[in-house]
N, C-alpha and C. Protein backbone atom coordinates (compact mmCIF):
# COMPACT_ATOMS: atom_id res chain seq x y z
N MET A 1 -9.66 12.73 15.47
CA MET A 1 -9.67 12.90 14.06
C MET A 1 -8.37 13.50 13.82
N LYS A 2 -7.58 13.51 12.55
CA LYS A 2 -6.35 14.17 12.29
C LYS A 2 -6.72 14.27 11.22
N LEU A 3 -6.13 15.55 10.29
CA LEU A 3 -6.32 16.10 9.00
C LEU A 3 -5.09 16.65 8.63
N LYS A 4 -4.65 16.78 7.46
CA LYS A 4 -3.69 17.29 6.84
C LYS A 4 -3.81 17.61 5.26
N THR A 5 -3.29 18.43 4.86
CA THR A 5 -3.50 19.01 3.29
C THR A 5 -2.47 18.74 2.63
N ALA A 6 -2.39 18.42 1.36
CA ALA A 6 -1.16 18.21 0.44
C ALA A 6 -1.62 18.40 -1.05
N ARG A 7 -0.49 18.81 -1.74
CA ARG A 7 -1.11 19.34 -3.25
C ARG A 7 -0.40 17.80 -4.01
N VAL A 8 -1.17 17.63 -4.99
CA VAL A 8 -0.98 16.47 -6.14
C VAL A 8 0.20 17.17 -7.02
N THR A 9 1.24 16.64 -6.97
CA THR A 9 2.53 17.02 -7.86
C THR A 9 2.51 16.24 -8.99
N ASN A 10 2.05 14.82 -9.06
CA ASN A 10 2.25 14.14 -10.03
C ASN A 10 1.84 14.48 -11.35
N PRO A 11 2.68 14.49 -12.37
CA PRO A 11 2.04 15.05 -13.64
C PRO A 11 0.81 14.51 -14.04
N GLN A 12 0.46 13.19 -13.76
CA GLN A 12 -0.46 12.69 -14.09
C GLN A 12 -1.65 12.65 -13.44
N GLY A 13 -1.50 13.38 -12.26
CA GLY A 13 -2.45 13.50 -11.11
C GLY A 13 -2.77 12.07 -10.36
N LEU A 14 -4.05 11.96 -9.84
CA LEU A 14 -4.45 10.86 -9.28
C LEU A 14 -5.05 10.05 -10.34
N HIS A 15 -4.33 9.01 -10.54
CA HIS A 15 -4.99 8.14 -12.03
C HIS A 15 -5.19 6.67 -11.54
N ALA A 16 -5.56 5.69 -12.22
CA ALA A 16 -5.56 4.50 -11.73
C ALA A 16 -4.64 3.90 -10.86
N ARG A 17 -3.53 3.93 -11.52
CA ARG A 17 -2.51 3.12 -10.69
C ARG A 17 -2.26 4.00 -9.45
N SER A 18 -1.85 5.18 -9.13
CA SER A 18 -1.71 5.86 -8.08
C SER A 18 -3.16 5.46 -7.16
N ALA A 19 -4.17 5.51 -7.35
CA ALA A 19 -5.54 4.99 -6.77
C ALA A 19 -5.25 3.83 -5.98
N ALA A 20 -4.78 3.00 -6.82
CA ALA A 20 -4.54 1.49 -6.18
C ALA A 20 -3.27 1.48 -5.14
N THR A 21 -2.18 2.19 -5.56
CA THR A 21 -1.47 2.36 -4.43
C THR A 21 -1.96 3.03 -3.18
N ILE A 22 -3.00 3.96 -3.42
CA ILE A 22 -3.35 4.51 -2.16
C ILE A 22 -4.55 3.74 -1.70
N VAL A 23 -5.07 2.63 -2.34
CA VAL A 23 -5.79 1.58 -1.57
C VAL A 23 -5.19 0.56 -0.70
N LYS A 24 -4.06 0.47 -1.58
CA LYS A 24 -3.10 -0.67 -0.73
C LYS A 24 -2.61 -0.11 0.66
N LEU A 25 -2.06 1.08 0.66
CA LEU A 25 -1.53 1.76 1.81
C LEU A 25 -2.63 1.94 2.75
N ALA A 26 -3.89 2.46 2.56
CA ALA A 26 -5.12 2.64 3.33
C ALA A 26 -5.62 1.13 4.09
N THR A 27 -5.49 0.28 3.34
CA THR A 27 -6.14 -0.75 4.07
C THR A 27 -4.97 -1.48 5.04
N LEU A 28 -3.97 -0.86 5.13
CA LEU A 28 -2.84 -1.65 6.34
C LEU A 28 -3.60 -0.85 7.45
N PHE A 29 -4.29 -0.03 7.19
CA PHE A 29 -4.55 0.91 9.01
C PHE A 29 -6.19 0.44 9.08
N GLN A 30 -6.28 0.72 10.24
CA GLN A 30 -7.74 0.12 11.06
C GLN A 30 -8.48 1.37 11.06
N SER A 31 -7.89 2.65 11.12
CA SER A 31 -8.57 3.84 10.70
C SER A 31 -9.22 4.06 9.57
N SER A 32 -10.42 4.95 9.69
CA SER A 32 -11.01 5.39 8.38
C SER A 32 -10.11 6.52 8.00
N ILE A 33 -9.97 6.48 6.55
CA ILE A 33 -9.32 7.46 5.94
C ILE A 33 -9.89 8.10 4.65
N GLU A 34 -9.89 9.23 4.70
CA GLU A 34 -10.54 9.96 3.42
C GLU A 34 -9.92 11.17 3.03
N LEU A 35 -10.08 11.22 1.36
CA LEU A 35 -9.42 12.34 0.72
C LEU A 35 -10.23 13.29 0.19
N LYS A 36 -10.16 14.36 0.46
CA LYS A 36 -11.23 15.54 0.03
C LYS A 36 -10.67 16.50 -0.78
N ASN A 37 -11.22 16.75 -2.04
CA ASN A 37 -11.07 17.97 -2.67
C ASN A 37 -12.01 19.07 -2.37
N ASP A 38 -11.82 19.92 -3.08
CA ASP A 38 -12.95 21.09 -2.83
C ASP A 38 -14.46 20.77 -2.66
N THR A 39 -14.84 20.00 -3.65
CA THR A 39 -16.33 19.39 -3.29
C THR A 39 -16.47 17.86 -3.17
N LYS A 40 -15.57 17.06 -3.47
CA LYS A 40 -15.78 15.96 -3.23
C LYS A 40 -14.91 15.23 -1.97
N VAL A 41 -15.53 13.82 -1.67
CA VAL A 41 -14.80 13.13 -0.56
C VAL A 41 -14.92 11.96 -0.82
N ALA A 42 -13.83 11.09 -0.50
CA ALA A 42 -13.59 9.78 -1.18
C ALA A 42 -13.03 8.91 -0.01
N ASN A 43 -13.34 7.81 -0.11
CA ASN A 43 -13.05 6.73 1.04
C ASN A 43 -11.77 6.09 0.56
N ALA A 44 -10.27 6.20 1.11
CA ALA A 44 -9.40 6.16 0.81
C ALA A 44 -9.13 4.27 0.46
N LYS A 45 -10.10 3.86 0.81
CA LYS A 45 -10.02 2.32 0.64
C LYS A 45 -11.09 1.65 -0.70
N ASN A 46 -11.26 2.86 -1.36
CA ASN A 46 -12.31 2.46 -2.51
C ASN A 46 -11.70 3.24 -3.67
N ILE A 47 -11.24 2.26 -4.62
CA ILE A 47 -10.46 2.99 -5.71
C ILE A 47 -11.67 3.72 -6.67
N MET A 48 -12.76 3.48 -6.84
CA MET A 48 -13.53 3.95 -7.48
C MET A 48 -14.11 5.62 -7.02
N ALA A 49 -14.19 5.65 -5.85
CA ALA A 49 -14.36 6.65 -5.04
C ALA A 49 -13.18 7.80 -5.26
N LEU A 50 -11.92 7.35 -5.25
CA LEU A 50 -10.75 7.89 -5.63
C LEU A 50 -10.63 8.69 -6.83
N LEU A 51 -11.02 7.50 -7.74
CA LEU A 51 -10.89 8.11 -9.22
C LEU A 51 -11.79 9.37 -9.81
N LEU A 52 -13.09 9.12 -8.84
CA LEU A 52 -13.91 10.29 -8.85
C LEU A 52 -13.69 11.55 -8.26
N LEU A 53 -12.84 11.64 -7.62
CA LEU A 53 -12.03 13.01 -7.02
C LEU A 53 -11.46 13.63 -8.31
N GLU A 54 -11.17 13.09 -9.50
CA GLU A 54 -10.64 13.81 -10.63
C GLU A 54 -9.58 14.87 -10.24
N ALA A 55 -8.58 14.34 -9.42
CA ALA A 55 -7.68 14.92 -8.68
C ALA A 55 -6.47 15.21 -9.70
N SER A 56 -6.22 16.37 -10.59
CA SER A 56 -5.28 16.36 -11.74
C SER A 56 -4.38 17.02 -10.75
N LYS A 57 -2.82 17.45 -11.51
CA LYS A 57 -1.80 17.83 -10.71
C LYS A 57 -2.07 19.38 -10.48
N GLY A 58 -1.75 19.65 -9.28
CA GLY A 58 -2.12 20.90 -8.66
C GLY A 58 -3.04 20.81 -7.76
N THR A 59 -4.01 19.82 -7.65
CA THR A 59 -5.25 19.76 -6.71
C THR A 59 -4.79 19.41 -5.34
N GLN A 60 -5.61 20.26 -4.58
CA GLN A 60 -5.22 20.36 -3.31
C GLN A 60 -6.06 19.30 -2.58
N LEU A 61 -5.49 18.22 -1.86
CA LEU A 61 -6.01 17.22 -1.27
C LEU A 61 -6.12 17.23 0.16
N THR A 62 -7.05 17.33 0.83
CA THR A 62 -7.23 17.15 2.65
C THR A 62 -7.34 15.58 3.01
N VAL A 63 -6.19 14.84 3.52
CA VAL A 63 -6.55 13.71 4.00
C VAL A 63 -7.00 13.75 5.81
N CYS A 64 -7.91 12.80 5.76
CA CYS A 64 -8.67 13.12 7.09
C CYS A 64 -8.63 11.39 7.70
N ALA A 65 -7.84 11.41 8.64
CA ALA A 65 -7.67 9.71 9.31
C ALA A 65 -8.42 10.09 10.90
N ASP A 66 -9.27 9.11 11.00
CA ASP A 66 -10.08 8.65 12.28
C ASP A 66 -9.89 7.47 12.69
N GLY A 67 -9.28 6.99 14.01
CA GLY A 67 -9.44 5.95 14.70
C GLY A 67 -7.82 5.74 15.20
N ILE A 68 -7.80 4.27 15.68
CA ILE A 68 -6.43 3.92 16.47
C ILE A 68 -5.15 4.16 16.22
N ASP A 69 -5.05 4.15 14.75
CA ASP A 69 -3.59 4.70 14.33
C ASP A 69 -3.65 5.54 13.02
N GLU A 70 -4.63 6.59 13.53
CA GLU A 70 -5.01 7.69 12.73
C GLU A 70 -3.54 8.63 12.64
N ALA A 71 -2.73 8.80 13.64
CA ALA A 71 -1.53 9.64 13.23
C ALA A 71 -0.59 9.04 12.30
N GLN A 72 -0.25 7.81 12.42
CA GLN A 72 0.58 6.99 11.46
C GLN A 72 -0.09 7.04 10.19
N ALA A 73 -1.32 6.70 10.05
CA ALA A 73 -2.24 6.74 8.65
C ALA A 73 -2.12 7.92 7.91
N LEU A 74 -2.26 9.06 8.80
CA LEU A 74 -2.16 10.38 8.18
C LEU A 74 -1.13 10.63 7.47
N ALA A 75 0.38 10.51 8.39
CA ALA A 75 1.65 10.82 7.96
C ALA A 75 1.86 10.00 6.72
N GLU A 76 1.56 8.57 6.86
CA GLU A 76 1.88 7.83 5.37
C GLU A 76 1.25 8.13 4.27
N MET A 77 -0.17 8.75 4.37
CA MET A 77 -0.88 8.77 3.34
C MET A 77 -0.27 10.34 2.69
N ILE A 78 0.03 11.14 3.45
CA ILE A 78 0.52 12.49 2.91
C ILE A 78 2.16 12.19 2.30
N GLY A 79 2.90 11.54 3.20
CA GLY A 79 3.99 11.16 2.52
C GLY A 79 3.81 10.56 1.43
N LEU A 80 2.78 9.50 1.10
CA LEU A 80 2.77 8.97 -0.22
C LEU A 80 2.14 9.99 -1.62
N ILE A 81 1.55 11.14 -1.08
CA ILE A 81 1.02 12.00 -2.17
C ILE A 81 2.25 13.01 -2.58
N GLU A 82 2.81 13.48 -1.46
CA GLU A 82 3.95 14.09 -1.77
C GLU A 82 5.03 13.56 -2.26
N ASP A 83 5.03 12.25 -2.27
CA ASP A 83 6.18 11.35 -3.05
C ASP A 83 5.47 10.91 -4.64
N ASN A 84 4.58 11.73 -4.94
CA ASN A 84 4.02 11.53 -6.33
C ASN A 84 3.61 10.05 -6.44
N PHE A 85 2.80 9.40 -5.44
CA PHE A 85 2.22 8.16 -5.20
C PHE A 85 3.31 7.06 -5.56
N GLY A 86 4.59 7.11 -5.07
CA GLY A 86 5.67 6.29 -5.45
C GLY A 86 5.97 6.30 -6.67
N GLU A 87 5.65 6.98 -7.61
CA GLU A 87 5.65 6.97 -9.26
C GLU A 87 6.81 7.94 -9.19
N THR A 88 8.02 7.66 -10.31
CA THR A 88 9.00 8.57 -10.88
C THR A 88 8.80 9.15 -12.06
N SER A 89 8.65 9.97 -12.36
CA SER A 89 8.29 10.89 -13.27
C SER A 89 9.34 10.67 -14.56
N ALA A 90 9.07 10.43 -15.94
CA ALA A 90 10.08 10.04 -16.85
C ALA A 90 10.85 11.22 -17.20
N PRO A 91 12.05 11.27 -17.47
CA PRO A 91 12.79 12.57 -17.65
C PRO A 91 12.24 13.23 -18.91
N ALA A 92 12.49 14.39 -18.92
CA ALA A 92 12.33 15.34 -20.03
C ALA A 92 12.84 15.36 -21.09
N PRO A 93 12.47 15.25 -22.53
CA PRO A 93 13.23 14.82 -23.54
C PRO A 93 14.29 16.09 -23.71
């Protein structure tokens, strides 16, 4: 099992679109992948569980991957979180 922590920097936090992006990435791997905040744990392949994390901007998430491709799964999941879930922020007015 491998784990690493990343902070949510997306201004909207972990919302429906970003959760769907996580699920899409997670399903590419055979490993089990979980995201944890201080009190909750979510299977990264379950969109409802991810939304129940209530991870707003600034939330520290720990990604745990366990399985045959755990190193790649962990690296890509951390990269996705650090990249604002692949979303670009709108420029400030």
